[in-house]
N, C-alpha and C. Protein backbone atom coordinates (compact mmCIF):
# COMPACT_ATOMS: atom_id res chain seq x y z
N MET A 1 4.17 20.75 3.38
CA MET A 1 2.90 20.96 4.01
C MET A 1 2.92 20.36 5.41
N ASP A 2 2.75 21.20 6.43
CA ASP A 2 2.82 20.73 7.80
C ASP A 2 1.52 20.12 8.29
N ASN A 3 0.39 20.58 7.80
CA ASN A 3 -0.90 20.14 8.29
C ASN A 3 -1.54 19.09 7.39
N VAL A 4 -0.78 18.09 7.00
CA VAL A 4 -1.31 17.02 6.16
C VAL A 4 -1.87 15.93 7.07
N ARG A 5 -3.12 15.58 6.83
CA ARG A 5 -3.79 14.55 7.61
C ARG A 5 -3.41 13.18 7.07
N ILE A 6 -3.19 12.23 7.95
CA ILE A 6 -2.87 10.86 7.55
C ILE A 6 -4.17 10.07 7.44
N LEU A 7 -4.39 9.46 6.29
CA LEU A 7 -5.58 8.65 6.06
C LEU A 7 -5.42 7.29 6.72
N LYS A 8 -6.42 6.90 7.49
CA LYS A 8 -6.37 5.62 8.21
C LYS A 8 -7.62 4.82 7.89
N GLY A 9 -7.52 3.50 8.12
CA GLY A 9 -8.67 2.64 7.94
C GLY A 9 -8.85 2.11 6.53
N TYR A 10 -7.79 2.15 5.74
CA TYR A 10 -7.85 1.67 4.37
C TYR A 10 -7.00 0.42 4.23
N SER A 11 -7.53 -0.59 3.54
CA SER A 11 -6.75 -1.78 3.25
C SER A 11 -5.71 -1.44 2.19
N GLU A 12 -4.75 -2.31 2.01
CA GLU A 12 -3.74 -2.11 0.97
C GLU A 12 -4.40 -2.00 -0.41
N GLN A 13 -5.42 -2.82 -0.66
CA GLN A 13 -6.09 -2.79 -1.96
C GLN A 13 -6.83 -1.46 -2.17
N GLU A 14 -7.50 -0.99 -1.12
CA GLU A 14 -8.23 0.29 -1.23
C GLU A 14 -7.25 1.44 -1.44
N ARG A 15 -6.17 1.41 -0.70
CA ARG A 15 -5.14 2.44 -0.84
C ARG A 15 -4.57 2.44 -2.26
N LYS A 16 -4.27 1.26 -2.75
CA LYS A 16 -3.70 1.13 -4.09
C LYS A 16 -4.68 1.67 -5.15
N GLU A 17 -5.96 1.34 -5.00
CA GLU A 17 -6.95 1.83 -5.95
C GLU A 17 -7.01 3.36 -5.97
N LEU A 18 -7.00 3.99 -4.79
CA LEU A 18 -7.06 5.45 -4.76
C LEU A 18 -5.79 6.07 -5.34
N GLU A 19 -4.64 5.49 -5.03
CA GLU A 19 -3.39 6.01 -5.58
C GLU A 19 -3.37 5.88 -7.10
N GLU A 20 -3.80 4.72 -7.60
CA GLU A 20 -3.84 4.51 -9.05
C GLU A 20 -4.90 5.37 -9.72
N ALA A 21 -6.03 5.60 -9.04
CA ALA A 21 -7.08 6.45 -9.61
C ALA A 21 -6.55 7.86 -9.83
N LYS A 22 -5.79 8.36 -8.87
CA LYS A 22 -5.25 9.71 -8.99
C LYS A 22 -4.22 9.79 -10.12
N ASP A 23 -3.46 8.72 -10.30
CA ASP A 23 -2.41 8.71 -11.31
C ASP A 23 -2.90 8.33 -12.71
N ASN A 24 -4.05 7.66 -12.79
CA ASN A 24 -4.46 7.07 -14.07
C ASN A 24 -5.90 7.36 -14.47
N GLY A 25 -6.23 8.59 -14.69
CA GLY A 25 -7.49 8.86 -15.35
C GLY A 25 -8.59 9.50 -14.55
N PHE A 26 -8.64 9.31 -13.23
CA PHE A 26 -9.64 10.01 -12.44
C PHE A 26 -9.03 11.37 -12.10
N ASN A 27 -9.38 12.38 -12.88
CA ASN A 27 -8.72 13.68 -12.79
C ASN A 27 -9.12 14.52 -11.59
N SER A 28 -10.21 14.15 -10.94
CA SER A 28 -10.65 14.92 -9.78
C SER A 28 -11.30 14.00 -8.77
N ALA A 29 -11.45 14.52 -7.56
CA ALA A 29 -12.14 13.77 -6.51
C ALA A 29 -13.58 13.48 -6.94
N PHE A 30 -14.19 14.44 -7.62
CA PHE A 30 -15.55 14.25 -8.09
C PHE A 30 -15.64 13.04 -9.03
N ASP A 31 -14.67 12.90 -9.92
CA ASP A 31 -14.66 11.75 -10.84
C ASP A 31 -14.60 10.43 -10.07
N VAL A 32 -13.80 10.39 -9.01
CA VAL A 32 -13.68 9.18 -8.20
C VAL A 32 -15.01 8.90 -7.49
N ILE A 33 -15.57 9.90 -6.86
CA ILE A 33 -16.83 9.72 -6.13
C ILE A 33 -17.94 9.29 -7.09
N TYR A 34 -18.01 9.91 -8.26
CA TYR A 34 -19.00 9.52 -9.26
C TYR A 34 -18.78 8.06 -9.69
N GLY A 35 -17.51 7.68 -9.88
CA GLY A 35 -17.19 6.31 -10.26
C GLY A 35 -17.59 5.31 -9.19
N ILE A 36 -17.46 5.70 -7.93
CA ILE A 36 -17.86 4.82 -6.83
C ILE A 36 -19.38 4.63 -6.83
N ILE A 37 -20.10 5.73 -6.93
CA ILE A 37 -21.56 5.67 -6.88
C ILE A 37 -22.11 4.88 -8.06
N LYS A 38 -21.53 5.05 -9.25
CA LYS A 38 -21.99 4.35 -10.45
C LYS A 38 -21.30 2.99 -10.64
N SER A 39 -20.38 2.64 -9.73
CA SER A 39 -19.60 1.39 -9.84
C SER A 39 -18.89 1.30 -11.17
N GLU A 40 -18.27 2.41 -11.59
CA GLU A 40 -17.53 2.46 -12.85
C GLU A 40 -16.04 2.58 -12.58
N GLY A 41 -15.25 2.07 -13.48
CA GLY A 41 -13.79 2.17 -13.35
C GLY A 41 -13.24 1.01 -12.53
N ASP A 42 -11.97 1.10 -12.24
CA ASP A 42 -11.27 0.05 -11.51
C ASP A 42 -11.23 0.37 -10.02
N LEU A 43 -12.39 0.45 -9.41
CA LEU A 43 -12.49 0.84 -8.00
C LEU A 43 -13.24 -0.21 -7.19
N ASP A 44 -13.03 -1.48 -7.49
CA ASP A 44 -13.81 -2.55 -6.86
C ASP A 44 -13.75 -2.53 -5.34
N PHE A 45 -12.57 -2.37 -4.77
CA PHE A 45 -12.42 -2.40 -3.32
C PHE A 45 -13.02 -1.15 -2.66
N ILE A 46 -12.87 0.00 -3.31
CA ILE A 46 -13.45 1.23 -2.79
C ILE A 46 -14.98 1.18 -2.90
N VAL A 47 -15.49 0.64 -4.00
CA VAL A 47 -16.94 0.47 -4.14
C VAL A 47 -17.48 -0.43 -3.03
N LYS A 48 -16.76 -1.51 -2.75
CA LYS A 48 -17.18 -2.42 -1.67
C LYS A 48 -17.17 -1.69 -0.33
N LYS A 49 -16.13 -0.88 -0.07
CA LYS A 49 -16.06 -0.10 1.17
C LYS A 49 -17.27 0.83 1.25
N TYR A 50 -17.62 1.46 0.15
CA TYR A 50 -18.78 2.37 0.09
C TYR A 50 -20.07 1.59 0.34
N ASP A 51 -20.25 0.46 -0.35
CA ASP A 51 -21.48 -0.32 -0.23
C ASP A 51 -21.69 -0.85 1.19
N GLU A 52 -20.60 -1.20 1.87
CA GLU A 52 -20.70 -1.77 3.21
C GLU A 52 -20.68 -0.72 4.32
N GLY A 53 -20.41 0.53 3.96
CA GLY A 53 -20.29 1.59 4.95
C GLY A 53 -21.62 2.20 5.33
N SER A 54 -21.63 2.79 6.50
CA SER A 54 -22.80 3.54 6.94
C SER A 54 -22.78 4.91 6.28
N SER A 55 -23.81 5.67 6.51
CA SER A 55 -23.88 7.02 5.95
C SER A 55 -22.70 7.87 6.42
N SER A 56 -22.38 7.79 7.71
CA SER A 56 -21.24 8.58 8.22
C SER A 56 -19.91 8.05 7.70
N ASP A 57 -19.80 6.73 7.51
CA ASP A 57 -18.58 6.15 6.92
C ASP A 57 -18.39 6.68 5.50
N ASN A 58 -19.47 6.75 4.75
CA ASN A 58 -19.41 7.22 3.37
C ASN A 58 -19.12 8.71 3.29
N ASP A 59 -19.63 9.48 4.25
CA ASP A 59 -19.29 10.90 4.32
C ASP A 59 -17.78 11.06 4.54
N GLN A 60 -17.24 10.23 5.44
CA GLN A 60 -15.80 10.29 5.72
C GLN A 60 -15.00 9.85 4.50
N LEU A 61 -15.47 8.83 3.81
CA LEU A 61 -14.80 8.37 2.59
C LEU A 61 -14.73 9.50 1.56
N ALA A 62 -15.85 10.19 1.36
CA ALA A 62 -15.87 11.31 0.40
C ALA A 62 -14.91 12.41 0.85
N LYS A 63 -14.90 12.74 2.14
CA LYS A 63 -13.99 13.77 2.65
C LYS A 63 -12.54 13.34 2.45
N ASP A 64 -12.24 12.07 2.72
CA ASP A 64 -10.88 11.57 2.53
C ASP A 64 -10.44 11.70 1.07
N ILE A 65 -11.34 11.35 0.15
CA ILE A 65 -11.00 11.42 -1.27
C ILE A 65 -10.75 12.86 -1.69
N VAL A 66 -11.63 13.77 -1.26
CA VAL A 66 -11.46 15.19 -1.60
C VAL A 66 -10.14 15.71 -1.02
N ASP A 67 -9.87 15.41 0.24
CA ASP A 67 -8.64 15.88 0.88
C ASP A 67 -7.40 15.26 0.24
N TYR A 68 -7.50 14.00 -0.15
CA TYR A 68 -6.37 13.32 -0.82
C TYR A 68 -6.05 14.01 -2.14
N TYR A 69 -7.08 14.30 -2.92
CA TYR A 69 -6.87 14.98 -4.20
C TYR A 69 -6.39 16.41 -4.02
N ALA A 70 -6.82 17.06 -2.93
CA ALA A 70 -6.41 18.45 -2.67
C ALA A 70 -5.01 18.53 -2.08
N GLY A 71 -4.46 17.38 -1.69
CA GLY A 71 -3.11 17.37 -1.13
C GLY A 71 -3.04 17.69 0.35
N VAL A 72 -4.18 17.68 1.03
CA VAL A 72 -4.17 17.95 2.47
C VAL A 72 -4.33 16.67 3.29
N ALA A 73 -4.35 15.52 2.61
CA ALA A 73 -4.37 14.22 3.28
C ALA A 73 -3.53 13.26 2.44
N LYS A 74 -2.89 12.34 3.12
CA LYS A 74 -2.07 11.35 2.43
C LYS A 74 -2.07 10.05 3.23
N PHE A 75 -1.61 9.00 2.58
CA PHE A 75 -1.43 7.73 3.27
C PHE A 75 -0.06 7.76 3.94
N SER A 76 0.04 7.09 5.08
CA SER A 76 1.34 7.02 5.75
C SER A 76 2.30 6.19 4.91
N GLU A 77 3.54 6.48 5.07
CA GLU A 77 4.56 5.69 4.37
C GLU A 77 4.62 4.31 4.99
N SER A 78 4.52 3.29 4.17
CA SER A 78 4.57 1.93 4.68
C SER A 78 6.00 1.58 5.08
N LYS A 79 6.13 0.99 6.24
CA LYS A 79 7.43 0.56 6.72
C LYS A 79 7.92 -0.59 5.83
N LYS A 80 9.19 -0.55 5.49
CA LYS A 80 9.77 -1.56 4.60
C LYS A 80 10.66 -2.51 5.41
N TYR A 81 10.69 -3.76 4.95
CA TYR A 81 11.46 -4.81 5.61
C TYR A 81 12.27 -5.59 4.59
N TYR A 82 13.41 -6.09 5.04
CA TYR A 82 14.11 -7.16 4.34
C TYR A 82 13.63 -8.46 4.98
N VAL A 83 13.64 -9.52 4.23
CA VAL A 83 13.41 -10.84 4.81
C VAL A 83 14.77 -11.50 4.83
N LYS A 84 15.35 -11.54 6.02
CA LYS A 84 16.73 -12.01 6.22
C LYS A 84 16.64 -13.39 6.87
N LEU A 85 17.01 -14.40 6.13
CA LEU A 85 16.78 -15.78 6.58
C LEU A 85 17.91 -16.35 7.42
N SER A 86 18.95 -15.57 7.68
CA SER A 86 20.05 -16.07 8.49
C SER A 86 20.71 -14.91 9.21
N LYS A 87 21.19 -15.15 10.41
CA LYS A 87 21.92 -14.12 11.15
C LYS A 87 23.29 -13.88 10.55
N MET A 88 23.74 -14.75 9.69
CA MET A 88 25.04 -14.61 9.03
C MET A 88 25.01 -13.52 7.96
N GLY A 89 23.84 -12.94 7.70
CA GLY A 89 23.74 -11.86 6.71
C GLY A 89 23.15 -12.28 5.39
N PHE A 90 23.02 -13.55 5.17
CA PHE A 90 22.43 -14.01 3.92
C PHE A 90 21.77 -15.35 4.17
N PRO A 91 20.89 -15.82 3.37
CA PRO A 91 20.39 -15.17 2.17
C PRO A 91 19.22 -14.22 2.47
N TYR A 92 19.01 -13.29 1.57
CA TYR A 92 17.88 -12.38 1.62
C TYR A 92 16.85 -12.85 0.61
N LEU A 93 15.59 -12.71 0.98
CA LEU A 93 14.50 -13.02 0.05
C LEU A 93 14.35 -11.87 -0.92
N VAL A 94 14.22 -12.17 -2.21
CA VAL A 94 13.99 -11.14 -3.22
C VAL A 94 12.89 -11.62 -4.17
N LYS A 95 12.29 -10.66 -4.86
CA LYS A 95 11.28 -10.99 -5.86
C LYS A 95 11.86 -10.64 -7.22
N THR A 96 12.00 -11.64 -8.08
CA THR A 96 12.55 -11.45 -9.42
C THR A 96 11.42 -11.53 -10.44
N ASN A 97 11.75 -11.41 -11.70
CA ASN A 97 10.76 -11.57 -12.76
C ASN A 97 10.19 -12.98 -12.80
N TYR A 98 10.90 -13.92 -12.20
CA TYR A 98 10.50 -15.32 -12.25
C TYR A 98 9.81 -15.78 -10.97
N GLY A 99 9.80 -14.96 -9.95
CA GLY A 99 9.18 -15.34 -8.68
C GLY A 99 10.09 -14.99 -7.51
N ILE A 100 9.97 -15.74 -6.46
CA ILE A 100 10.74 -15.51 -5.23
C ILE A 100 12.05 -16.27 -5.32
N ASP A 101 13.12 -15.61 -4.88
CA ASP A 101 14.45 -16.23 -4.92
C ASP A 101 15.24 -15.76 -3.70
N LEU A 102 16.44 -16.25 -3.56
CA LEU A 102 17.32 -15.86 -2.47
C LEU A 102 18.60 -15.26 -3.03
N PHE A 103 19.09 -14.20 -2.38
CA PHE A 103 20.36 -13.60 -2.77
C PHE A 103 21.21 -13.40 -1.55
N ARG A 104 22.51 -13.40 -1.76
CA ARG A 104 23.47 -13.31 -0.67
C ARG A 104 23.36 -11.98 0.07
N ASN A 105 23.26 -10.89 -0.63
CA ASN A 105 23.24 -9.56 -0.03
C ASN A 105 22.20 -8.69 -0.72
N PRO A 106 21.68 -7.68 -0.01
CA PRO A 106 20.80 -6.73 -0.70
C PRO A 106 21.58 -5.99 -1.78
N GLY A 107 20.87 -5.46 -2.74
CA GLY A 107 21.53 -4.76 -3.84
C GLY A 107 21.59 -5.61 -5.08
N SER A 108 20.74 -6.62 -5.15
CA SER A 108 20.75 -7.55 -6.27
C SER A 108 20.12 -6.94 -7.53
N GLY A 109 19.43 -5.81 -7.37
CA GLY A 109 18.72 -5.22 -8.50
C GLY A 109 17.28 -5.70 -8.59
N TYR A 110 16.91 -6.64 -7.75
CA TYR A 110 15.54 -7.12 -7.69
C TYR A 110 14.84 -6.50 -6.49
N LYS A 111 13.54 -6.69 -6.42
CA LYS A 111 12.77 -6.17 -5.29
C LYS A 111 13.18 -6.93 -4.04
N GLU A 112 13.71 -6.20 -3.07
CA GLU A 112 14.19 -6.83 -1.85
C GLU A 112 13.62 -6.20 -0.59
N GLU A 113 12.95 -5.05 -0.74
CA GLU A 113 12.30 -4.39 0.38
C GLU A 113 10.80 -4.61 0.23
N PHE A 114 10.19 -5.10 1.30
CA PHE A 114 8.78 -5.46 1.27
C PHE A 114 8.02 -4.79 2.40
N THR A 115 6.76 -4.48 2.18
CA THR A 115 5.89 -4.05 3.28
C THR A 115 5.45 -5.31 4.02
N GLU A 116 4.90 -5.12 5.19
CA GLU A 116 4.41 -6.26 5.97
C GLU A 116 3.38 -7.05 5.18
N GLN A 117 2.47 -6.35 4.51
CA GLN A 117 1.43 -7.03 3.73
C GLN A 117 2.03 -7.82 2.58
N GLU A 118 3.03 -7.27 1.91
CA GLU A 118 3.67 -8.00 0.80
C GLU A 118 4.32 -9.29 1.30
N ILE A 119 4.94 -9.22 2.47
CA ILE A 119 5.56 -10.42 3.04
C ILE A 119 4.48 -11.45 3.36
N LYS A 120 3.41 -11.01 3.98
CA LYS A 120 2.32 -11.93 4.32
C LYS A 120 1.68 -12.53 3.08
N ASP A 121 1.63 -11.76 1.99
CA ASP A 121 1.08 -12.27 0.74
C ASP A 121 1.95 -13.38 0.16
N ILE A 122 3.27 -13.28 0.36
CA ILE A 122 4.18 -14.34 -0.11
C ILE A 122 4.00 -15.56 0.77
N ASP A 123 4.16 -15.37 2.08
CA ASP A 123 3.97 -16.44 3.06
C ASP A 123 4.06 -15.81 4.45
N PRO A 124 3.00 -15.86 5.23
CA PRO A 124 3.00 -15.20 6.54
C PRO A 124 4.13 -15.68 7.47
N ARG A 125 4.63 -16.88 7.25
CA ARG A 125 5.71 -17.38 8.12
C ARG A 125 7.01 -16.59 7.95
N TYR A 126 7.17 -15.89 6.84
CA TYR A 126 8.37 -15.07 6.63
C TYR A 126 8.43 -13.86 7.56
N MET A 127 7.30 -13.47 8.18
CA MET A 127 7.32 -12.32 9.09
C MET A 127 8.28 -12.54 10.25
N ALA A 128 8.52 -13.79 10.61
CA ALA A 128 9.47 -14.09 11.68
C ALA A 128 10.89 -13.66 11.31
N PHE A 129 11.16 -13.48 10.03
CA PHE A 129 12.49 -13.13 9.56
C PHE A 129 12.57 -11.69 9.03
N ALA A 130 11.49 -10.93 9.23
CA ALA A 130 11.44 -9.56 8.72
C ALA A 130 12.31 -8.64 9.59
N VAL A 131 13.17 -7.88 8.93
CA VAL A 131 14.06 -6.93 9.61
C VAL A 131 13.79 -5.56 9.00
N PRO A 132 13.45 -4.55 9.84
CA PRO A 132 13.25 -3.23 9.25
C PRO A 132 14.48 -2.77 8.47
N VAL A 133 14.26 -2.16 7.32
CA VAL A 133 15.35 -1.74 6.45
C VAL A 133 16.33 -0.85 7.21
N GLU A 134 15.82 0.10 8.01
CA GLU A 134 16.70 1.01 8.73
C GLU A 134 17.59 0.26 9.72
N ALA A 135 17.04 -0.74 10.41
CA ALA A 135 17.80 -1.49 11.41
C ALA A 135 18.88 -2.32 10.76
N ASP A 136 18.64 -2.82 9.56
CA ASP A 136 19.62 -3.66 8.88
C ASP A 136 20.77 -2.83 8.31
N ASN A 137 20.52 -1.56 8.05
CA ASN A 137 21.55 -0.68 7.47
C ASN A 137 22.46 -0.06 8.51
N GLU A 138 22.14 -0.25 9.80
CA GLU A 138 22.96 0.38 10.85
C GLU A 138 24.21 -0.42 11.14
């Protein structure tokens, strides 16, 4: 689809709620909009966006939801980063089942690619060591 509109102005939490709503039980845009108006379902951040929005903001929110469900709008792909703590190539920050750890090289089998928000959620100071995945692979 060449004419897909990129949805902007959504927090990570709002984006996640809409993505999960589409995948888990809200079968149509109408179901999502009804859930927002009635404050039903797992749409806390979207409900807050609706409650705090103006009439025109809410019209845009409804249009975005309809377009997202129709496949004519999508969220942009989030840029991914490694957190590379040394110029020597290691260690890399990874997220394991037990928490945050360090590994010598990427490919550990654990989560090693993070969005900017995920890095900031761990510790904003790690952004100084963030390397775009594409740049590290060159």
